[in-house]
């Protein structure tokens, strides 16, 4: 068995590793699934949302609170099946 020589530049990476390494695509990696959606809230809606968050034992982030409230409202009105999302 022969040992592969490492380059003298101190990087500690063999030439064969450099040749076969995959290049990372540019940009930030995806963070989740689903379509990103931005929205603006009027001050009174934002205050009501923050009050709802404060009343929750686990204090979800705003984005999670909006997801939960929207999902609940859509289920109650029959637009979303009971087991979905």
Protein backbone atom coordinates (compact mmCIF):
# COMPACT_ATOMS: atom_id res chain seq x y z
CA UNK A 1 0.00 0.00 0.00
CA UNK A 2 1.46 3.36 -0.97
CA UNK A 3 0.73 6.56 0.85
CA UNK A 4 -0.55 9.42 -1.25
CA UNK A 5 1.63 12.50 -0.98
CA UNK A 6 0.01 15.65 0.27
CA UNK A 7 0.87 18.96 -1.36
CA UNK A 8 3.58 21.07 0.20
CA UNK A 9 1.40 24.18 0.40
CA UNK A 10 -0.02 23.18 3.81
CA UNK A 11 -3.62 22.73 2.73
CA UNK A 12 -3.60 19.05 3.63
CA UNK A 13 -5.66 18.03 0.60
CA UNK A 14 -4.40 15.52 -1.91
CA UNK A 15 -4.44 16.36 -5.64
CA UNK A 16 -6.81 13.47 -6.34
CA UNK A 17 -9.29 14.83 -3.79
CA UNK A 18 -9.15 18.25 -5.41
CA UNK A 19 -9.81 16.74 -8.83
CA UNK A 20 -12.89 14.81 -7.71
CA UNK A 21 -14.39 17.30 -5.25
CA UNK A 22 -17.81 18.67 -6.18
CA UNK A 23 -18.11 22.41 -6.57
CA UNK A 24 -20.77 24.06 -4.44
CA UNK A 25 -23.40 26.00 -6.38
CA UNK A 26 -23.34 29.76 -5.81
CA UNK A 27 -25.74 31.38 -3.37
CA UNK A 28 -27.43 30.45 -0.15
CA UNK A 29 -28.59 26.83 0.19
CA UNK A 30 -32.35 26.19 0.36
CA UNK A 31 -33.71 26.43 3.90
CA UNK A 32 -37.05 24.72 3.58
CA UNK A 33 -39.83 23.54 1.36
CA UNK A 34 -42.74 25.51 0.03
CA UNK A 35 -42.99 28.77 -1.81
CA UNK A 36 -41.57 31.84 -0.02
CA UNK A 37 -44.17 34.53 0.55
CA UNK A 38 -43.71 38.07 1.82
CA UNK A 39 -46.46 40.16 3.33
CA UNK A 40 -47.08 43.46 5.06
CA UNK A 41 -49.15 43.74 8.22
CA UNK A 42 -51.05 46.74 9.50
CA UNK A 43 -49.98 47.79 12.99
CA UNK A 44 -53.15 46.49 14.67
CA UNK A 45 -52.82 43.06 12.99
CA UNK A 46 -49.14 42.89 13.97
CA UNK A 47 -50.04 43.76 17.58
CA UNK A 48 -52.76 41.08 17.61
CA UNK A 49 -50.33 38.53 16.19
CA UNK A 50 -47.71 39.40 18.81
CA UNK A 51 -50.35 39.09 21.55
CA UNK A 52 -51.33 35.65 20.25
CA UNK A 53 -47.66 34.61 20.22
CA UNK A 54 -47.25 35.79 23.82
CA UNK A 55 -50.20 33.60 24.86
CA UNK A 56 -48.62 30.46 23.37
CA UNK A 57 -46.55 28.32 25.76
CA UNK A 58 -43.73 27.75 23.24
CA UNK A 59 -43.70 31.36 21.91
CA UNK A 60 -43.40 30.55 18.17
CA UNK A 61 -41.67 32.90 15.77
CA UNK A 62 -43.94 35.20 13.77
CA UNK A 63 -43.55 33.13 10.61
CA UNK A 64 -44.59 29.95 12.44
CA UNK A 65 -47.48 31.76 14.14
CA UNK A 66 -48.77 32.99 10.78
CA UNK A 67 -48.49 29.44 9.36
CA UNK A 68 -50.43 27.97 12.28
CA UNK A 69 -53.17 30.59 12.26
CA UNK A 70 -53.61 30.41 8.49
CA UNK A 71 -53.69 26.61 8.51
CA UNK A 72 -56.25 26.61 11.33
CA UNK A 73 -58.49 29.15 9.57
CA UNK A 74 -58.35 27.25 6.26
CA UNK A 75 -59.21 23.95 7.99
CA UNK A 76 -62.15 25.48 9.87
CA UNK A 77 -63.59 26.84 6.62
CA UNK A 78 -63.12 23.56 4.72
CA UNK A 79 -60.42 24.74 2.33
CA UNK A 80 -57.77 22.47 3.78
CA UNK A 81 -58.32 18.80 4.64
CA UNK A 82 -58.03 17.87 8.33
CA UNK A 83 -54.76 15.93 7.93
CA UNK A 84 -53.00 18.27 5.49
CA UNK A 85 -50.13 20.63 6.35
